N, C-alpha and C. Protein backbone atom coordinates (compact mmCIF):
# COMPACT_ATOMS: atom_id res chain seq x y z
N UNK A 1 0.84 -1.16 0.00
CA UNK A 1 0.00 0.00 0.00
C UNK A 1 0.90 1.25 0.00
N UNK A 2 0.50 2.24 -0.80
CA UNK A 2 1.28 3.45 -0.96
C UNK A 2 0.55 4.61 -0.31
N UNK A 3 1.30 5.35 0.49
CA UNK A 3 0.71 6.49 1.17
C UNK A 3 1.23 7.76 0.50
N UNK A 4 0.34 8.60 0.05
CA UNK A 4 0.69 9.85 -0.61
C UNK A 4 0.23 10.99 0.28
N UNK A 5 1.17 11.83 0.60
CA UNK A 5 0.84 13.00 1.39
C UNK A 5 0.64 14.16 0.42
N UNK A 6 -0.44 14.88 0.58
CA UNK A 6 -0.77 15.95 -0.36
C UNK A 6 0.33 17.00 -0.48
N UNK A 7 1.09 17.28 0.53
CA UNK A 7 2.13 18.30 0.50
C UNK A 7 3.36 17.89 -0.29
N UNK A 8 3.51 16.60 -0.65
CA UNK A 8 4.70 16.13 -1.37
C UNK A 8 4.52 16.13 -2.89
N UNK A 9 3.35 16.34 -3.39
CA UNK A 9 3.11 16.29 -4.84
C UNK A 9 3.73 17.50 -5.52
N UNK A 10 4.38 17.27 -6.68
CA UNK A 10 4.88 18.34 -7.52
C UNK A 10 6.16 19.00 -7.05
N UNK A 11 6.89 18.39 -6.15
CA UNK A 11 8.12 19.02 -5.67
C UNK A 11 9.26 18.97 -6.69
N UNK A 12 9.20 18.07 -7.63
CA UNK A 12 10.27 17.97 -8.61
C UNK A 12 10.13 19.03 -9.72
N UNK A 13 8.96 19.55 -9.93
CA UNK A 13 8.73 20.53 -11.00
C UNK A 13 9.58 21.78 -10.80
N UNK A 14 9.66 22.38 -9.63
CA UNK A 14 10.55 23.55 -9.48
C UNK A 14 12.02 23.21 -9.71
N UNK A 15 12.44 22.02 -9.32
CA UNK A 15 13.83 21.63 -9.54
C UNK A 15 14.14 21.48 -11.03
N UNK A 16 13.21 20.90 -11.76
CA UNK A 16 13.39 20.75 -13.20
C UNK A 16 13.41 22.13 -13.86
N UNK A 17 12.55 23.02 -13.44
CA UNK A 17 12.51 24.37 -14.00
C UNK A 17 13.82 25.11 -13.75
N UNK A 18 14.36 25.00 -12.56
CA UNK A 18 15.64 25.64 -12.24
C UNK A 18 16.76 25.03 -13.08
N UNK A 19 16.74 23.72 -13.23
CA UNK A 19 17.77 23.04 -14.03
C UNK A 19 17.69 23.48 -15.49
N UNK A 20 16.50 23.62 -16.04
CA UNK A 20 16.34 24.06 -17.42
C UNK A 20 16.81 25.50 -17.61
N UNK A 21 16.51 26.37 -16.67
CA UNK A 21 16.95 27.76 -16.75
C UNK A 21 18.48 27.82 -16.67
N UNK A 22 19.05 27.04 -15.76
CA UNK A 22 20.51 27.02 -15.62
C UNK A 22 21.17 26.48 -16.90
N UNK A 23 20.61 25.44 -17.49
CA UNK A 23 21.16 24.88 -18.73
C UNK A 23 21.06 25.90 -19.87
N UNK A 24 19.95 26.60 -19.95
CA UNK A 24 19.79 27.63 -20.98
C UNK A 24 20.79 28.76 -20.80
N UNK A 25 21.00 29.19 -19.56
CA UNK A 25 21.97 30.25 -19.29
C UNK A 25 23.38 29.80 -19.65
N UNK A 26 23.71 28.56 -19.35
CA UNK A 26 25.03 28.03 -19.67
C UNK A 26 25.23 27.96 -21.19
N UNK A 27 24.22 27.53 -21.92
CA UNK A 27 24.32 27.50 -23.38
C UNK A 27 24.49 28.89 -23.96
N UNK A 28 23.76 29.86 -23.44
CA UNK A 28 23.89 31.23 -23.91
C UNK A 28 25.30 31.75 -23.63
N UNK A 29 25.84 31.47 -22.45
CA UNK A 29 27.17 31.91 -22.09
C UNK A 29 28.22 31.28 -23.00
N UNK A 30 28.09 30.00 -23.29
CA UNK A 30 29.03 29.33 -24.18
C UNK A 30 28.97 29.88 -25.60
N UNK A 31 27.77 30.19 -26.07
CA UNK A 31 27.63 30.77 -27.41
C UNK A 31 28.27 32.16 -27.46
N UNK A 32 28.07 32.96 -26.44
CA UNK A 32 28.66 34.30 -26.40
C UNK A 32 30.18 34.21 -26.34
N UNK A 33 30.70 33.30 -25.54
CA UNK A 33 32.14 33.11 -25.44
C UNK A 33 32.72 32.64 -26.77
N UNK A 34 32.02 31.74 -27.42
CA UNK A 34 32.46 31.26 -28.73
C UNK A 34 32.53 32.38 -29.75
N UNK A 35 31.55 33.27 -29.73
CA UNK A 35 31.54 34.41 -30.66
C UNK A 35 32.73 35.33 -30.41
N UNK A 36 33.07 35.55 -29.15
CA UNK A 36 34.22 36.40 -28.82
C UNK A 36 35.51 35.77 -29.31
N UNK A 37 35.66 34.47 -29.11
CA UNK A 37 36.87 33.77 -29.56
C UNK A 37 37.00 33.82 -31.08
N UNK A 38 35.89 33.64 -31.79
CA UNK A 38 35.92 33.70 -33.25
C UNK A 38 36.27 35.11 -33.71
N UNK A 39 35.70 36.13 -33.08
CA UNK A 39 36.02 37.52 -33.45
C UNK A 39 37.50 37.82 -33.21
N UNK A 40 38.06 37.32 -32.11
CA UNK A 40 39.48 37.55 -31.83
C UNK A 40 40.36 36.89 -32.89
N UNK A 41 40.03 35.69 -33.28
CA UNK A 41 40.82 34.99 -34.30
C UNK A 41 40.71 35.72 -35.64
N UNK A 42 39.51 36.14 -36.00
CA UNK A 42 39.34 36.87 -37.26
C UNK A 42 40.08 38.20 -37.22
N UNK A 43 40.07 38.88 -36.08
CA UNK A 43 40.78 40.16 -35.96
C UNK A 43 42.28 39.96 -36.10
N UNK A 44 42.83 38.91 -35.49
CA UNK A 44 44.27 38.65 -35.62
C UNK A 44 44.65 38.37 -37.08
N UNK A 45 43.85 37.55 -37.74
CA UNK A 45 44.14 37.24 -39.15
C UNK A 45 44.05 38.49 -40.02
N UNK A 46 43.01 39.28 -39.81
CA UNK A 46 42.83 40.50 -40.60
C UNK A 46 43.96 41.49 -40.33
N UNK A 47 44.39 41.58 -39.08
CA UNK A 47 45.48 42.51 -38.74
C UNK A 47 46.78 42.07 -39.40
N UNK A 48 47.07 40.78 -39.39
CA UNK A 48 48.28 40.29 -40.05
C UNK A 48 48.26 40.63 -41.54
N UNK A 49 47.16 40.33 -42.19
CA UNK A 49 47.06 40.60 -43.63
C UNK A 49 47.12 42.09 -43.92
N UNK A 50 46.46 42.89 -43.11
CA UNK A 50 46.46 44.34 -43.33
C UNK A 50 47.84 44.94 -43.10
N UNK A 51 48.57 44.43 -42.12
CA UNK A 51 49.92 44.93 -41.87
C UNK A 51 50.84 44.63 -43.05
N UNK A 52 50.73 43.43 -43.59
CA UNK A 52 51.55 43.09 -44.76
C UNK A 52 51.20 43.96 -45.95
N UNK A 53 49.91 44.15 -46.19
CA UNK A 53 49.48 45.00 -47.30
C UNK A 53 49.90 46.44 -47.07
N UNK A 54 49.79 46.91 -45.85
CA UNK A 54 50.18 48.28 -45.54
C UNK A 54 51.67 48.50 -45.69
N UNK A 55 52.49 47.51 -45.31
CA UNK A 55 53.94 47.65 -45.46
C UNK A 55 54.31 47.69 -46.93
N UNK A 56 53.60 46.94 -47.76
CA UNK A 56 53.93 46.88 -49.18
C UNK A 56 53.37 48.06 -49.96
N UNK A 57 52.11 48.47 -49.64
CA UNK A 57 51.44 49.44 -50.51
C UNK A 57 50.79 50.62 -49.81
N UNK A 58 50.85 50.70 -48.49
CA UNK A 58 50.33 51.87 -47.78
C UNK A 58 48.98 51.67 -47.12
N UNK A 59 48.50 52.79 -46.55
CA UNK A 59 47.28 52.77 -45.74
C UNK A 59 46.05 52.29 -46.51
N UNK A 60 45.87 52.76 -47.73
CA UNK A 60 44.68 52.38 -48.50
C UNK A 60 44.64 50.87 -48.72
N UNK A 61 45.78 50.29 -49.02
CA UNK A 61 45.83 48.84 -49.22
C UNK A 61 45.52 48.11 -47.92
N UNK A 62 46.04 48.62 -46.80
CA UNK A 62 45.77 48.00 -45.50
C UNK A 62 44.28 48.05 -45.18
N UNK A 63 43.64 49.20 -45.45
CA UNK A 63 42.21 49.32 -45.18
C UNK A 63 41.40 48.39 -46.08
N UNK A 64 41.80 48.28 -47.34
CA UNK A 64 41.07 47.40 -48.27
C UNK A 64 41.20 45.94 -47.86
N UNK A 65 42.39 45.52 -47.45
CA UNK A 65 42.59 44.13 -47.03
C UNK A 65 41.85 43.86 -45.73
N UNK A 66 41.87 44.80 -44.81
CA UNK A 66 41.13 44.62 -43.56
C UNK A 66 39.65 44.45 -43.84
N UNK A 67 39.12 45.30 -44.70
CA UNK A 67 37.69 45.21 -45.04
C UNK A 67 37.36 43.90 -45.75
N UNK A 68 38.25 43.46 -46.62
CA UNK A 68 38.04 42.19 -47.33
C UNK A 68 38.02 41.00 -46.36
N UNK A 69 38.64 41.18 -45.20
CA UNK A 69 38.67 40.13 -44.18
C UNK A 69 37.62 40.35 -43.09
N UNK A 70 36.67 41.23 -43.34
CA UNK A 70 35.57 41.45 -42.39
C UNK A 70 35.95 42.29 -41.21
N UNK A 71 36.99 43.11 -41.34
CA UNK A 71 37.45 43.95 -40.24
C UNK A 71 37.42 45.41 -40.66
N UNK A 72 37.63 46.27 -39.68
CA UNK A 72 37.72 47.70 -39.95
C UNK A 72 39.07 48.18 -39.44
N UNK A 73 39.79 48.92 -40.28
CA UNK A 73 41.08 49.47 -39.90
C UNK A 73 40.86 50.59 -38.90
N UNK A 74 41.35 50.43 -37.68
CA UNK A 74 41.18 51.44 -36.64
C UNK A 74 42.33 52.45 -36.65
N UNK A 75 43.56 51.96 -36.85
CA UNK A 75 44.71 52.85 -36.84
C UNK A 75 45.79 52.28 -37.74
N UNK A 76 46.61 53.18 -38.27
CA UNK A 76 47.69 52.79 -39.17
C UNK A 76 48.87 53.69 -38.87
N UNK A 77 50.03 53.09 -38.62
CA UNK A 77 51.25 53.86 -38.40
C UNK A 77 52.35 53.30 -39.28
N UNK A 78 52.99 54.17 -40.03
CA UNK A 78 54.13 53.78 -40.85
C UNK A 78 55.31 54.62 -40.43
N UNK A 79 56.40 53.95 -40.08
CA UNK A 79 57.62 54.63 -39.66
C UNK A 79 58.78 54.01 -40.42
N UNK A 80 59.14 54.64 -41.52
CA UNK A 80 60.19 54.08 -42.35
C UNK A 80 59.72 52.78 -42.99
N UNK A 81 60.40 51.69 -42.67
CA UNK A 81 60.01 50.40 -43.24
C UNK A 81 59.07 49.62 -42.32
N UNK A 82 58.84 50.13 -41.11
CA UNK A 82 57.95 49.44 -40.16
C UNK A 82 56.53 49.97 -40.27
N UNK A 83 55.58 49.05 -40.21
CA UNK A 83 54.16 49.40 -40.28
C UNK A 83 53.43 48.68 -39.16
N UNK A 84 52.55 49.41 -38.47
CA UNK A 84 51.67 48.81 -37.46
C UNK A 84 50.24 49.15 -37.81
N UNK A 85 49.36 48.17 -37.62
CA UNK A 85 47.94 48.40 -37.85
C UNK A 85 47.15 47.87 -36.66
N UNK A 86 46.01 48.49 -36.42
CA UNK A 86 45.05 48.01 -35.45
C UNK A 86 43.74 47.82 -36.19
N UNK A 87 43.13 46.65 -36.06
CA UNK A 87 41.86 46.39 -36.73
C UNK A 87 40.84 45.93 -35.71
N UNK A 88 39.56 46.10 -36.05
CA UNK A 88 38.46 45.70 -35.17
C UNK A 88 37.52 44.77 -35.92
N UNK A 89 37.16 43.68 -35.23
CA UNK A 89 36.11 42.77 -35.69
C UNK A 89 35.17 42.61 -34.50
N UNK A 90 33.96 43.14 -34.62
CA UNK A 90 33.04 43.12 -33.48
C UNK A 90 33.64 43.91 -32.33
N UNK A 91 33.79 43.27 -31.17
CA UNK A 91 34.42 43.92 -30.02
C UNK A 91 35.92 43.65 -29.94
N UNK A 92 36.41 42.75 -30.76
CA UNK A 92 37.82 42.35 -30.69
C UNK A 92 38.69 43.31 -31.49
N UNK A 93 39.80 43.71 -30.90
CA UNK A 93 40.77 44.57 -31.55
C UNK A 93 42.10 43.82 -31.56
N UNK A 94 42.78 43.85 -32.71
CA UNK A 94 44.07 43.19 -32.82
C UNK A 94 45.07 44.14 -33.46
N UNK A 95 46.33 43.97 -33.08
CA UNK A 95 47.43 44.78 -33.61
C UNK A 95 48.41 43.85 -34.29
N UNK A 96 48.98 44.32 -35.39
CA UNK A 96 50.01 43.54 -36.08
C UNK A 96 51.06 44.49 -36.64
N UNK A 97 52.27 43.97 -36.76
CA UNK A 97 53.40 44.72 -37.30
C UNK A 97 53.95 44.01 -38.52
N UNK A 98 54.44 44.79 -39.46
CA UNK A 98 55.14 44.23 -40.62
C UNK A 98 56.28 45.17 -40.98
N UNK A 99 57.33 44.59 -41.50
CA UNK A 99 58.50 45.36 -41.93
C UNK A 99 58.73 45.12 -43.41
N UNK A 100 58.87 46.19 -44.13
CA UNK A 100 59.15 46.09 -45.57
C UNK A 100 60.66 45.95 -45.74
N UNK A 101 61.05 44.94 -46.50
CA UNK A 101 62.46 44.72 -46.79
C UNK A 101 62.66 44.86 -48.29
N UNK A 102 63.71 45.53 -48.63
CA UNK A 102 64.02 45.73 -50.05
C UNK A 102 65.02 44.67 -50.48
N UNK A 103 64.67 43.94 -51.51
CA UNK A 103 65.58 42.95 -52.09
C UNK A 103 66.28 43.60 -53.27
N UNK A 104 67.59 43.39 -53.38
CA UNK A 104 68.28 43.98 -54.54
C UNK A 104 67.80 43.34 -55.82
N UNK A 105 67.76 44.11 -56.88
CA UNK A 105 67.34 43.60 -58.17
C UNK A 105 68.36 42.60 -58.69
N UNK A 106 67.87 41.54 -59.27
CA UNK A 106 68.75 40.51 -59.81
C UNK A 106 69.45 41.04 -61.05
N UNK A 107 70.71 40.71 -61.19
CA UNK A 107 71.46 41.14 -62.37
C UNK A 107 71.85 39.90 -63.16
N UNK A 108 71.97 40.07 -64.44
CA UNK A 108 72.37 38.96 -65.29
C UNK A 108 71.21 38.02 -65.55
N UNK A 109 71.53 36.84 -66.00
CA UNK A 109 70.48 35.89 -66.32
C UNK A 109 70.11 35.06 -65.09
N UNK A 110 68.87 34.58 -65.04
CA UNK A 110 68.46 33.80 -63.89
C UNK A 110 69.21 32.48 -63.85
N UNK A 111 69.40 31.89 -62.65
CA UNK A 111 70.13 30.62 -62.57
C UNK A 111 69.33 29.52 -63.26
N UNK A 112 70.06 28.61 -63.83
CA UNK A 112 69.44 27.51 -64.54
C UNK A 112 68.92 26.47 -63.55
N UNK A 113 67.80 25.85 -63.88
CA UNK A 113 67.24 24.81 -63.04
C UNK A 113 68.12 23.57 -63.05
N UNK A 114 68.97 23.46 -64.06
CA UNK A 114 69.84 22.28 -64.19
C UNK A 114 71.20 22.50 -63.52
N UNK A 115 71.34 23.66 -62.87
CA UNK A 115 72.58 23.92 -62.14
C UNK A 115 73.68 24.49 -63.01
N UNK A 116 73.39 24.89 -64.19
CA UNK A 116 74.46 25.37 -65.07
C UNK A 116 74.25 26.75 -65.44
């Protein structure tokens, strides 16, 4: 024989509701954290590419490459052969540096693939 006390019915429902709310909050937090990590990675990649373009061709090229990579050029500094850029993707900001190196022009004929 089973004895049921009226005050004990439905006690699990509030616990399940709290567990569902907690699980939903955790999922939301993980999704937000994932978005931040993705934005940071995209900002680093865009900054690297923009710095290389800026060192080779200047500010306009850096801005165009940043935009092509889904970022916005926040700042650009060129000092001689050194270039620094700051780009933004969402809330993430990344900085990258590049140095332009001049290679001397080749003289004479190119070396043979056969070693001669």
